[in-house]
Amino acid sequence: MTIAYQGVQGAYSEQACKSAYPNYTPVACESFQEAMWLVEQGDADLAMIPLENSTAGRVEEIYRLIPKMALHVIAEHFEPVVHCLLGMPDANIEDIVCVGSHPQALAQCHNSILELHLEAIAKLDTAGAAKDLSAYHDKSKGAIASKLAADIYGLKVLKEHFEDVSGNVTRFFVLSNENKIPPYHDKSTYVTSLLFQVRDIPASLYKALGGFATNGVNLLKLESYPMKGTLQASQFHIDLDGHPEELKLKLALDELAFFAEDVRMLGTYEAHPFRESFKH
């Protein structure tokens, strides 16, 4: 059993794979698209794809890929992120002039980078930045990555918890070729994710979402992005609190279908236990 992720060995996505699916073999991919493609072709069973971070917000590239993919969301996973400033084994923090990492990691450590007056250099991924650093043998260069990456590539942790905000966490989608909708149990909590476009009528978005309010369905997330080739039409991604077998969600989805078009169910899955912390 295999699970694909974007990055090289030591990436946070690999950590997420090991946390959520310890019995699966992680498969490193150069891009998110490649990770999804492996699952679509049957060369991997699952894909672990980062969707958003509590500090830096959504991963833009993923939201561009979701409408095009043929995969289904079968689970979500929240992975705590502890960024480390890494250097060569003989380096000190005062030696570092520039630091490389994935743009999301750079954004999550923005203030820490400014405090040290470092030049930020965008890389394809965090662990890749650590791997590159290990080949430079330059004390003036640093990387932002995990402690796991430091161990793998023989680097020194110059500062742990380099992120600006403590409690930094990334939410992942777990993607599969199969649409595995869990059976409904009234003691479990579920999330349903879908895409839709609104019809060209006045107050269309208000009317499309109104059914969730009137039927008591909690809207967990709403994202919009322009349709390809136009700035006049938008596509929306929403996460809902509920299971399609619940009457209130059935009624709300019926109302959505009346005011929206191209409604596409991405998946229904059990809510991750981390969501309980949102309530406190």
C-alpha atoms as a PDB file:
ATOM      1  CA  MET A   1       0.000   0.000   0.000  1.00  0.00           C
ATOM      2  CA  THR A   2       1.474   3.338  -1.077  1.00  0.00           C
ATOM      3  CA  ILE A   3       0.693   7.005  -0.460  1.00  0.00           C
ATOM      4  CA  ALA A   4       2.101   9.729  -2.736  1.00  0.00           C
ATOM      5  CA  TYR A   5       3.201  13.175  -1.590  1.00  0.00           C
ATOM      6  CA  GLN A   6       4.947  16.207  -3.071  1.00  0.00           C
ATOM      7  CA  GLY A   7       8.525  16.738  -1.947  1.00  0.00           C
ATOM      8  CA  VAL A   8      11.640  14.769  -1.096  1.00  0.00           C
ATOM      9  CA  GLN A   9      12.432  12.597   1.896  1.00  0.00           C
ATOM     10  CA  GLY A  10      11.992  14.576   5.105  1.00  0.00           C
ATOM     11  CA  ALA A  11       9.149  16.786   3.839  1.00  0.00           C
ATOM     12  CA  TYR A  12       6.286  17.716   6.157  1.00  0.00           C
ATOM     13  CA  SER A  13       3.967  15.903   3.760  1.00  0.00           C
ATOM     14  CA  GLU A  14       5.969  12.730   4.358  1.00  0.00           C
ATOM     15  CA  GLN A  15       5.544  13.258   8.102  1.00  0.00           C
ATOM     16  CA  ALA A  16       1.801  13.603   7.524  1.00  0.00           C
ATOM     17  CA  CYS A  17       1.781  10.336   5.543  1.00  0.00           C
ATOM     18  CA  LYS A  18       3.558   8.513   8.361  1.00  0.00           C
ATOM     19  CA  SER A  19       1.292  10.012  11.033  1.00  0.00           C
ATOM     20  CA  ALA A  20      -1.984   9.225   9.273  1.00  0.00           C
ATOM     21  CA  TYR A  21      -1.057   6.007   7.450  1.00  0.00           C
ATOM     22  CA  PRO A  22       1.865   4.344   9.277  1.00  0.00           C
ATOM     23  CA  ASN A  23       1.362   1.070   7.376  1.00  0.00           C
ATOM     24  CA  TYR A  24       1.642   2.728   3.958  1.00  0.00           C
ATOM     25  CA  THR A  25       4.872   3.333   2.056  1.00  0.00           C
ATOM     26  CA  PRO A  26       5.324   7.059   1.227  1.00  0.00           C
ATOM     27  CA  VAL A  27       6.205   7.815  -2.416  1.00  0.00           C
ATOM     28  CA  ALA A  28       7.983  11.123  -3.105  1.00  0.00           C
ATOM     29  CA  CYS A  29       6.864  13.145  -6.146  1.00  0.00           C
ATOM     30  CA  GLU A  30       8.256  16.286  -7.754  1.00  0.00           C
ATOM     31  CA  SER A  31       4.880  18.040  -7.906  1.00  0.00           C
ATOM     32  CA  PHE A  32       1.358  17.916  -6.492  1.00  0.00           C
ATOM     33  CA  GLN A  33       0.110  17.092  -9.976  1.00  0.00           C
ATOM     34  CA  GLU A  34       2.425  14.093 -10.198  1.00  0.00           C
ATOM     35  CA  ALA A  35       1.237  12.806  -6.808  1.00  0.00           C
ATOM     36  CA  MET A  36      -2.389  13.036  -7.958  1.00  0.00           C
ATOM     37  CA  TRP A  37      -1.543  11.493 -11.338  1.00  0.00           C
ATOM     38  CA  LEU A  38       0.045   8.445  -9.673  1.00  0.00           C
ATOM     39  CA  VAL A  39      -3.246   7.775  -7.878  1.00  0.00           C
ATOM     40  CA  GLU A  40      -5.312   8.400 -11.004  1.00  0.00           C
ATOM     41  CA  GLN A  41      -3.152   5.878 -12.913  1.00  0.00           C
ATOM     42  CA  GLY A  42      -3.328   3.310 -10.118  1.00  0.00           C
ATOM     43  CA  ASP A  43       0.401   3.523  -9.350  1.00  0.00           C
ATOM     44  CA  ALA A  44      -0.300   4.739  -5.800  1.00  0.00           C
ATOM     45  CA  ASP A  45      -3.248   3.989  -3.530  1.00  0.00           C
ATOM     46  CA  LEU A  46      -3.600   7.439  -1.935  1.00  0.00           C
ATOM     47  CA  ALA A  47      -2.206  10.980  -2.137  1.00  0.00           C
ATOM     48  CA  MET A  48      -1.539  13.314   0.818  1.00  0.00           C
ATOM     49  CA  ILE A  49      -2.062  16.880  -0.431  1.00  0.00           C
ATOM     50  CA  PRO A  50      -1.716  20.059   1.719  1.00  0.00           C
ATOM     51  CA  LEU A  51      -4.699  22.355   1.444  1.00  0.00           C
ATOM     52  CA  GLU A  52      -4.135  25.196   3.903  1.00  0.00           C
ATOM     53  CA  ASN A  53      -2.011  26.316   6.824  1.00  0.00           C
ATOM     54  CA  SER A  54      -3.179  28.036   9.997  1.00  0.00           C
ATOM     55  CA  THR A  55      -0.556  30.784   9.582  1.00  0.00           C
ATOM     56  CA  ALA A  56      -0.021  31.265   5.843  1.00  0.00           C
ATOM     57  CA  GLY A  57      -3.495  30.388   4.538  1.00  0.00           C
ATOM     58  CA  ARG A  58      -4.413  28.295   1.535  1.00  0.00           C
ATOM     59  CA  VAL A  59      -1.983  26.555  -0.827  1.00  0.00           C
ATOM     60  CA  GLU A  60      -2.893  28.373  -4.033  1.00  0.00           C
ATOM     61  CA  GLU A  61      -1.701  25.680  -6.448  1.00  0.00           C
ATOM     62  CA  ILE A  62      -3.958  23.051  -4.887  1.00  0.00           C
ATOM     63  CA  TYR A  63      -7.080  25.141  -5.400  1.00  0.00           C
ATOM     64  CA  ARG A  64      -6.178  25.441  -9.082  1.00  0.00           C
ATOM     65  CA  LEU A  65      -5.764  21.661  -9.348  1.00  0.00           C
ATOM     66  CA  ILE A  66      -8.856  20.528  -7.422  1.00  0.00           C
ATOM     67  CA  PRO A  67     -11.403  21.410 -10.154  1.00  0.00           C
ATOM     68  CA  LYS A  68      -9.372  19.435 -12.708  1.00  0.00           C
ATOM     69  CA  MET A  69      -8.768  16.290 -10.688  1.00  0.00           C
ATOM     70  CA  ALA A  70     -10.709  13.058 -11.058  1.00  0.00           C
ATOM     71  CA  LEU A  71      -9.976  11.943  -7.486  1.00  0.00           C
ATOM     72  CA  HIS A  72     -12.157  11.851  -4.376  1.00  0.00           C
ATOM     73  CA  VAL A  73     -11.487  13.214  -0.900  1.00  0.00           C
ATOM     74  CA  ILE A  74     -11.740  10.306   1.546  1.00  0.00           C
ATOM     75  CA  ALA A  75     -10.192  11.904   4.653  1.00  0.00           C
ATOM     76  CA  GLU A  76      -8.638  15.020   6.100  1.00  0.00           C
ATOM     77  CA  HIS A  77      -5.509  15.188   8.243  1.00  0.00           C
ATOM     78  CA  PHE A  78      -4.121  17.967  10.440  1.00  0.00           C
ATOM     79  CA  GLU A  79      -0.348  17.870  10.913  1.00  0.00           C
ATOM     80  CA  PRO A  80       1.428  20.134  13.446  1.00  0.00           C
ATOM     81  CA  VAL A  81       4.308  21.998  11.802  1.00  0.00           C
ATOM     82  CA  VAL A  82       7.499  22.842  13.694  1.00  0.00           C
ATOM     83  CA  HIS A  83       9.870  24.763  11.460  1.00  0.00           C
ATOM     84  CA  CYS A  84      13.611  24.696  12.172  1.00  0.00           C
ATOM     85  CA  LEU A  85      16.294  27.032  10.897  1.00  0.00           C
ATOM     86  CA  LEU A  86      18.984  24.681   9.586  1.00  0.00           C
ATOM     87  CA  GLY A  87      22.632  25.288   8.729  1.00  0.00           C
ATOM     88  CA  MET A  88      25.817  23.407   7.959  1.00  0.00           C
ATOM     89  CA  PRO A  89      27.243  21.347  10.867  1.00  0.00           C
ATOM     90  CA  ASP A  90      29.956  23.970  11.533  1.00  0.00           C
ATOM     91  CA  ALA A  91      27.648  27.007  11.156  1.00  0.00           C
ATOM     92  CA  ASN A  92      26.279  29.347  13.824  1.00  0.00           C
ATOM     93  CA  ILE A  93      23.135  31.412  13.515  1.00  0.00           C
ATOM     94  CA  GLU A  94      25.258  34.563  13.079  1.00  0.00           C
ATOM     95  CA  ASP A  95      26.822  33.049   9.931  1.00  0.00           C
ATOM     96  CA  ILE A  96      23.531  32.785   8.020  1.00  0.00           C
ATOM     97  CA  VAL A  97      22.907  35.401   5.329  1.00  0.00           C
ATOM     98  CA  CYS A  98      20.170  33.797   3.230  1.00  0.00           C
ATOM     99  CA  VAL A  99      17.606  31.078   3.838  1.00  0.00           C
ATOM    100  CA  GLY A 100      15.747  28.869   1.382  1.00  0.00           C
ATOM    101  CA  SER A 101      12.446  27.027   1.704  1.00  0.00           C
ATOM    102  CA  HIS A 102       9.003  26.514   0.181  1.00  0.00           C
ATOM    103  CA  PRO A 103       7.084  29.831  -0.162  1.00  0.00           C
ATOM    104  CA  GLN A 104       4.524  28.617   2.399  1.00  0.00           C
ATOM    105  CA  ALA A 105       7.264  27.966   4.976  1.00  0.00           C
ATOM    106  CA  LEU A 106       8.869  31.334   4.226  1.00  0.00           C
ATOM    107  CA  ALA A 107       5.495  32.998   4.821  1.00  0.00           C
ATOM    108  CA  GLN A 108       5.024  31.103   8.081  1.00  0.00           C
ATOM    109  CA  CYS A 109       8.463  32.319   9.292  1.00  0.00           C
ATOM    110  CA  HIS A 110       8.288  35.822   7.801  1.00  0.00           C
ATOM    111  CA  ASN A 111       8.853  37.765  11.027  1.00  0.00           C
ATOM    112  CA  SER A 112      11.641  35.457  12.209  1.00  0.00           C
ATOM    113  CA  ILE A 113      13.415  35.927   8.864  1.00  0.00           C
ATOM    114  CA  LEU A 114      13.109  39.717   9.142  1.00  0.00           C
ATOM    115  CA  GLU A 115      14.454  39.726  12.701  1.00  0.00           C
ATOM    116  CA  LEU A 116      17.645  38.033  11.529  1.00  0.00           C
ATOM    117  CA  HIS A 117      17.859  40.230   8.401  1.00  0.00           C
ATOM    118  CA  LEU A 118      17.987  37.175   6.153  1.00  0.00           C
ATOM    119  CA  GLU A 119      17.363  37.025   2.417  1.00  0.00           C
ATOM    120  CA  ALA A 120      14.480  34.636   1.694  1.00  0.00           C
ATOM    121  CA  ILE A 121      14.887  32.362  -1.331  1.00  0.00           C
ATOM    122  CA  ALA A 122      11.909  30.342  -2.611  1.00  0.00           C
ATOM    123  CA  LYS A 123      12.456  26.616  -3.201  1.00  0.00           C
ATOM    124  CA  LEU A 124      10.182  23.857  -4.471  1.00  0.00           C
ATOM    125  CA  ASP A 125       9.804  22.329  -0.990  1.00  0.00           C
ATOM    126  CA  THR A 126      11.201  22.474   2.544  1.00  0.00           C
ATOM    127  CA  ALA A 127      13.078  19.170   2.554  1.00  0.00           C
ATOM    128  CA  GLY A 128      14.419  19.928  -0.920  1.00  0.00           C
ATOM    129  CA  ALA A 129      15.893  23.154   0.462  1.00  0.00           C
ATOM    130  CA  ALA A 130      17.580  21.118   3.217  1.00  0.00           C
ATOM    131  CA  LYS A 131      18.891  18.623   0.658  1.00  0.00           C
ATOM    132  CA  ASP A 132      20.295  21.437  -1.495  1.00  0.00           C
ATOM    133  CA  LEU A 133      21.913  23.047   1.542  1.00  0.00           C
ATOM    134  CA  SER A 134      23.727  19.831   2.422  1.00  0.00           C
ATOM    135  CA  ALA A 135      25.415  19.948  -1.004  1.00  0.00           C
ATOM    136  CA  TYR A 136      26.506  23.610  -0.806  1.00  0.00           C
ATOM    137  CA  HIS A 137      28.991  23.359   2.114  1.00  0.00           C
ATOM    138  CA  ASP A 138      28.433  27.092   2.641  1.00  0.00           C
ATOM    139  CA  LYS A 139      28.050  28.403   6.207  1.00  0.00           C
ATOM    140  CA  SER A 140      26.277  31.545   4.988  1.00  0.00           C
ATOM    141  CA  LYS A 141      23.309  29.597   3.621  1.00  0.00           C
ATOM    142  CA  GLY A 142      20.416  28.206   5.654  1.00  0.00           C
ATOM    143  CA  ALA A 143      17.174  26.329   5.132  1.00  0.00           C
ATOM    144  CA  ILE A 144      13.795  26.158   6.853  1.00  0.00           C
ATOM    145  CA  ALA A 145      12.663  22.566   7.208  1.00  0.00           C
ATOM    146  CA  SER A 146      11.812  19.868   9.739  1.00  0.00           C
ATOM    147  CA  LYS A 147      14.082  18.291  12.330  1.00  0.00           C
ATOM    148  CA  LEU A 148      13.590  15.053  10.381  1.00  0.00           C
ATOM    149  CA  ALA A 149      15.138  16.726   7.325  1.00  0.00           C
ATOM    150  CA  ALA A 150      18.070  17.915   9.450  1.00  0.00           C
ATOM    151  CA  ASP A 151      18.710  14.340  10.602  1.00  0.00           C
ATOM    152  CA  ILE A 152      18.412  12.912   7.089  1.00  0.00           C
ATOM    153  CA  TYR A 153      20.746  15.421   5.433  1.00  0.00           C
ATOM    154  CA  GLY A 154      23.272  15.862   8.243  1.00  0.00           C
ATOM    155  CA  LEU A 155      22.433  19.482   9.050  1.00  0.00           C
ATOM    156  CA  LYS A 156      22.526  21.459  12.285  1.00  0.00           C
ATOM    157  CA  VAL A 157      19.362  22.824  13.931  1.00  0.00           C
ATOM    158  CA  LEU A 158      20.262  26.463  14.600  1.00  0.00           C
ATOM    159  CA  LYS A 159      16.834  27.386  15.946  1.00  0.00           C
ATOM    160  CA  GLU A 160      13.818  25.187  16.610  1.00  0.00           C
ATOM    161  CA  HIS A 161      10.284  26.653  16.470  1.00  0.00           C
ATOM    162  CA  PHE A 162      11.359  29.209  13.870  1.00  0.00           C
ATOM    163  CA  GLU A 163       7.716  29.734  12.846  1.00  0.00           C
ATOM    164  CA  ASP A 164       6.089  33.067  13.754  1.00  0.00           C
ATOM    165  CA  VAL A 165       3.022  31.577  15.447  1.00  0.00           C
ATOM    166  CA  SER A 166       3.024  28.657  17.862  1.00  0.00           C
ATOM    167  CA  GLY A 167       0.446  25.953  17.186  1.00  0.00           C
ATOM    168  CA  ASN A 168       1.149  26.125  13.456  1.00  0.00           C
ATOM    169  CA  VAL A 169      -0.756  23.324  11.697  1.00  0.00           C
ATOM    170  CA  THR A 170      -1.388  22.260   8.093  1.00  0.00           C
ATOM    171  CA  ARG A 171      -4.600  20.659   6.871  1.00  0.00           C
ATOM    172  CA  PHE A 172      -4.285  17.937   4.229  1.00  0.00           C
ATOM    173  CA  PHE A 173      -6.729  16.205   1.911  1.00  0.00           C
ATOM    174  CA  VAL A 174      -6.298  12.456   1.442  1.00  0.00           C
ATOM    175  CA  LEU A 175      -7.224  11.596  -2.145  1.00  0.00           C
ATOM    176  CA  SER A 176      -8.287   8.267  -3.647  1.00  0.00           C
ATOM    177  CA  ASN A 177      -9.563   6.880  -6.941  1.00  0.00           C
ATOM    178  CA  GLU A 178     -12.485   5.354  -5.034  1.00  0.00           C
ATOM    179  CA  ASN A 179     -15.310   7.411  -3.631  1.00  0.00           C
ATOM    180  CA  LYS A 180     -15.277   5.907  -0.141  1.00  0.00           C
ATOM    181  CA  ILE A 181     -18.168   7.566   1.710  1.00  0.00           C
ATOM    182  CA  PRO A 182     -18.320   6.317   5.305  1.00  0.00           C
ATOM    183  CA  PRO A 183     -21.692   5.042   6.561  1.00  0.00           C
ATOM    184  CA  TYR A 184     -23.558   7.563   8.682  1.00  0.00           C
ATOM    185  CA  HIS A 185     -23.553   7.167  12.477  1.00  0.00           C
ATOM    186  CA  ASP A 186     -25.298   9.775  14.604  1.00  0.00           C
ATOM    187  CA  LYS A 187     -22.469   9.800  17.165  1.00  0.00           C
ATOM    188  CA  SER A 188     -19.803  10.645  14.560  1.00  0.00           C
ATOM    189  CA  THR A 189     -18.981  14.017  12.973  1.00  0.00           C
ATOM    190  CA  TYR A 190     -18.556  14.353   9.217  1.00  0.00           C
ATOM    191  CA  VAL A 191     -17.340  16.902   6.685  1.00  0.00           C
ATOM    192  CA  THR A 192     -18.661  17.115   3.124  1.00  0.00           C
ATOM    193  CA  SER A 193     -16.647  18.998   0.490  1.00  0.00           C
ATOM    194  CA  LEU A 194     -18.017  20.134  -2.855  1.00  0.00           C
ATOM    195  CA  LEU A 195     -17.570  22.517  -5.785  1.00  0.00           C
ATOM    196  CA  PHE A 196     -20.211  24.586  -7.552  1.00  0.00           C
ATOM    197  CA  GLN A 197     -20.851  27.587  -9.783  1.00  0.00           C
ATOM    198  CA  VAL A 198     -23.710  30.001  -9.252  1.00  0.00           C
ATOM    199  CA  ARG A 199     -26.322  30.767 -11.884  1.00  0.00           C
ATOM    200  CA  ASP A 200     -26.343  34.175 -13.574  1.00  0.00           C
ATOM    201  CA  ILE A 201     -29.196  35.625 -11.504  1.00  0.00           C
ATOM    202  CA  PRO A 202     -29.292  38.451  -8.919  1.00  0.00           C
ATOM    203  CA  ALA A 203     -28.059  37.505  -5.424  1.00  0.00           C
ATOM    204  CA  SER A 204     -27.248  34.011  -6.699  1.00  0.00           C
ATOM    205  CA  LEU A 205     -24.550  33.254  -4.102  1.00  0.00           C
ATOM    206  CA  TYR A 206     -26.758  34.481  -1.262  1.00  0.00           C
ATOM    207  CA  LYS A 207     -29.586  32.254  -2.489  1.00  0.00           C
ATOM    208  CA  ALA A 208     -27.306  29.260  -3.091  1.00  0.00           C
ATOM    209  CA  LEU A 209     -25.935  29.411   0.448  1.00  0.00           C
ATOM    210  CA  GLY A 210     -29.240  30.339   2.064  1.00  0.00           C
ATOM    211  CA  GLY A 211     -30.385  26.727   2.145  1.00  0.00           C
ATOM    212  CA  PHE A 212     -27.594  25.819   4.528  1.00  0.00           C
ATOM    213  CA  ALA A 213     -28.661  28.530   6.978  1.00  0.00           C
ATOM    214  CA  THR A 214     -32.367  27.702   6.855  1.00  0.00           C
ATOM    215  CA  ASN A 215     -31.670  23.990   7.363  1.00  0.00           C
ATOM    216  CA  GLY A 216     -29.168  24.473  10.181  1.00  0.00           C
ATOM    217  CA  VAL A 217     -26.081  23.264   8.293  1.00  0.00           C
ATOM    218  CA  ASN A 218     -22.813  24.784   9.475  1.00  0.00           C
ATOM    219  CA  LEU A 219     -20.558  26.101   6.707  1.00  0.00           C
ATOM    220  CA  LEU A 220     -16.973  25.277   7.703  1.00  0.00           C
ATOM    221  CA  LYS A 221     -15.159  26.823   4.754  1.00  0.00           C
ATOM    222  CA  LEU A 222     -15.883  28.885   1.639  1.00  0.00           C
ATOM    223  CA  GLU A 223     -13.272  29.558  -1.041  1.00  0.00           C
ATOM    224  CA  SER A 224     -13.762  31.196  -4.431  1.00  0.00           C
ATOM    225  CA  TYR A 225     -11.584  31.435  -7.516  1.00  0.00           C
ATOM    226  CA  PRO A 226     -12.244  32.661 -11.061  1.00  0.00           C
ATOM    227  CA  MET A 227     -13.175  30.216 -13.765  1.00  0.00           C
ATOM    228  CA  LYS A 228     -10.495  29.536 -16.367  1.00  0.00           C
ATOM    229  CA  GLY A 229     -10.453  32.149 -19.099  1.00  0.00           C
ATOM    230  CA  THR A 230     -12.827  34.649 -17.471  1.00  0.00           C
ATOM    231  CA  LEU A 231     -13.036  37.094 -14.595  1.00  0.00           C
ATOM    232  CA  GLN A 232     -16.829  37.276 -14.726  1.00  0.00           C
ATOM    233  CA  ALA A 233     -17.629  33.824 -13.328  1.00  0.00           C
ATOM    234  CA  SER A 234     -16.421  32.208 -10.121  1.00  0.00           C
ATOM    235  CA  GLN A 235     -16.252  28.674  -8.823  1.00  0.00           C
ATOM    236  CA  PHE A 236     -16.739  27.973  -5.122  1.00  0.00           C
ATOM    237  CA  HIS A 237     -15.328  25.278  -2.859  1.00  0.00           C
ATOM    238  CA  ILE A 238     -17.207  24.703   0.387  1.00  0.00           C
ATOM    239  CA  ASP A 239     -16.743  22.375   3.348  1.00  0.00           C
ATOM    240  CA  LEU A 240     -19.923  21.544   5.239  1.00  0.00           C
ATOM    241  CA  ASP A 241     -20.542  20.104   8.675  1.00  0.00           C
ATOM    242  CA  GLY A 242     -22.607  17.005   7.944  1.00  0.00           C
ATOM    243  CA  HIS A 243     -23.230  13.784   6.021  1.00  0.00           C
ATOM    244  CA  PRO A 244     -25.414  13.575   2.862  1.00  0.00           C
ATOM    245  CA  GLU A 245     -27.604  10.979   4.587  1.00  0.00           C
ATOM    246  CA  GLU A 246     -28.662  13.548   7.199  1.00  0.00           C
ATOM    247  CA  LEU A 247     -32.022  15.086   6.322  1.00  0.00           C
ATOM    248  CA  LYS A 248     -30.900  18.674   6.974  1.00  0.00           C
ATOM    249  CA  LEU A 249     -27.982  18.339   4.544  1.00  0.00           C
ATOM    250  CA  LYS A 250     -30.152  16.584   1.946  1.00  0.00           C
ATOM    251  CA  LEU A 251     -32.597  19.498   1.987  1.00  0.00           C
ATOM    252  CA  ALA A 252     -29.797  22.074   1.859  1.00  0.00           C
ATOM    253  CA  LEU A 253     -28.157  20.350  -1.118  1.00  0.00           C
ATOM    254  CA  ASP A 254     -31.506  20.287  -2.926  1.00  0.00           C
ATOM    255  CA  GLU A 255     -31.738  24.081  -2.514  1.00  0.00           C
ATOM    256  CA  LEU A 256     -28.129  24.503  -3.641  1.00  0.00           C
ATOM    257  CA  ALA A 257     -28.816  22.512  -6.811  1.00  0.00           C
ATOM    258  CA  PHE A 258     -31.718  24.852  -7.656  1.00  0.00           C
ATOM    259  CA  PHE A 259     -29.627  28.049  -7.503  1.00  0.00           C
ATOM    260  CA  ALA A 260     -26.238  26.636  -8.566  1.00  0.00           C
ATOM    261  CA  GLU A 261     -24.890  24.678 -11.505  1.00  0.00           C
ATOM    262  CA  ASP A 262     -22.152  22.110 -12.002  1.00  0.00           C
ATOM    263  CA  VAL A 263     -22.396  20.967  -8.378  1.00  0.00           C
ATOM    264  CA  ARG A 264     -19.657  18.375  -7.844  1.00  0.00           C
ATOM    265  CA  MET A 265     -19.238  16.372  -4.667  1.00  0.00           C
ATOM    266  CA  LEU A 266     -15.561  16.045  -3.765  1.00  0.00           C
ATOM    267  CA  GLY A 267     -16.140  13.678  -0.863  1.00  0.00           C
ATOM    268  CA  THR A 268     -17.594  12.994   2.565  1.00  0.00           C
ATOM    269  CA  TYR A 269     -15.286  11.917   5.379  1.00  0.00           C
ATOM    270  CA  GLU A 270     -15.066  11.775   9.147  1.00  0.00           C
ATOM    271  CA  ALA A 271     -13.948  15.024  10.759  1.00  0.00           C
ATOM    272  CA  HIS A 272     -10.373  14.836  12.059  1.00  0.00           C
ATOM    273  CA  PRO A 273     -10.102  14.796  15.886  1.00  0.00           C
ATOM    274  CA  PHE A 274      -8.052  18.023  15.698  1.00  0.00           C
ATOM    275  CA  ARG A 275     -11.290  19.904  14.933  1.00  0.00           C
ATOM    276  CA  GLU A 276     -12.310  19.410  18.557  1.00  0.00           C
ATOM    277  CA  SER A 277      -9.649  21.963  19.513  1.00  0.00           C
ATOM    278  CA  PHE A 278     -11.513  24.600  17.462  1.00  0.00           C
ATOM    279  CA  LYS A 279     -14.346  24.457  19.988  1.00  0.00           C
ATOM    280  CA  HIS A 280     -12.176  25.459  22.962  1.00  0.00           C
END
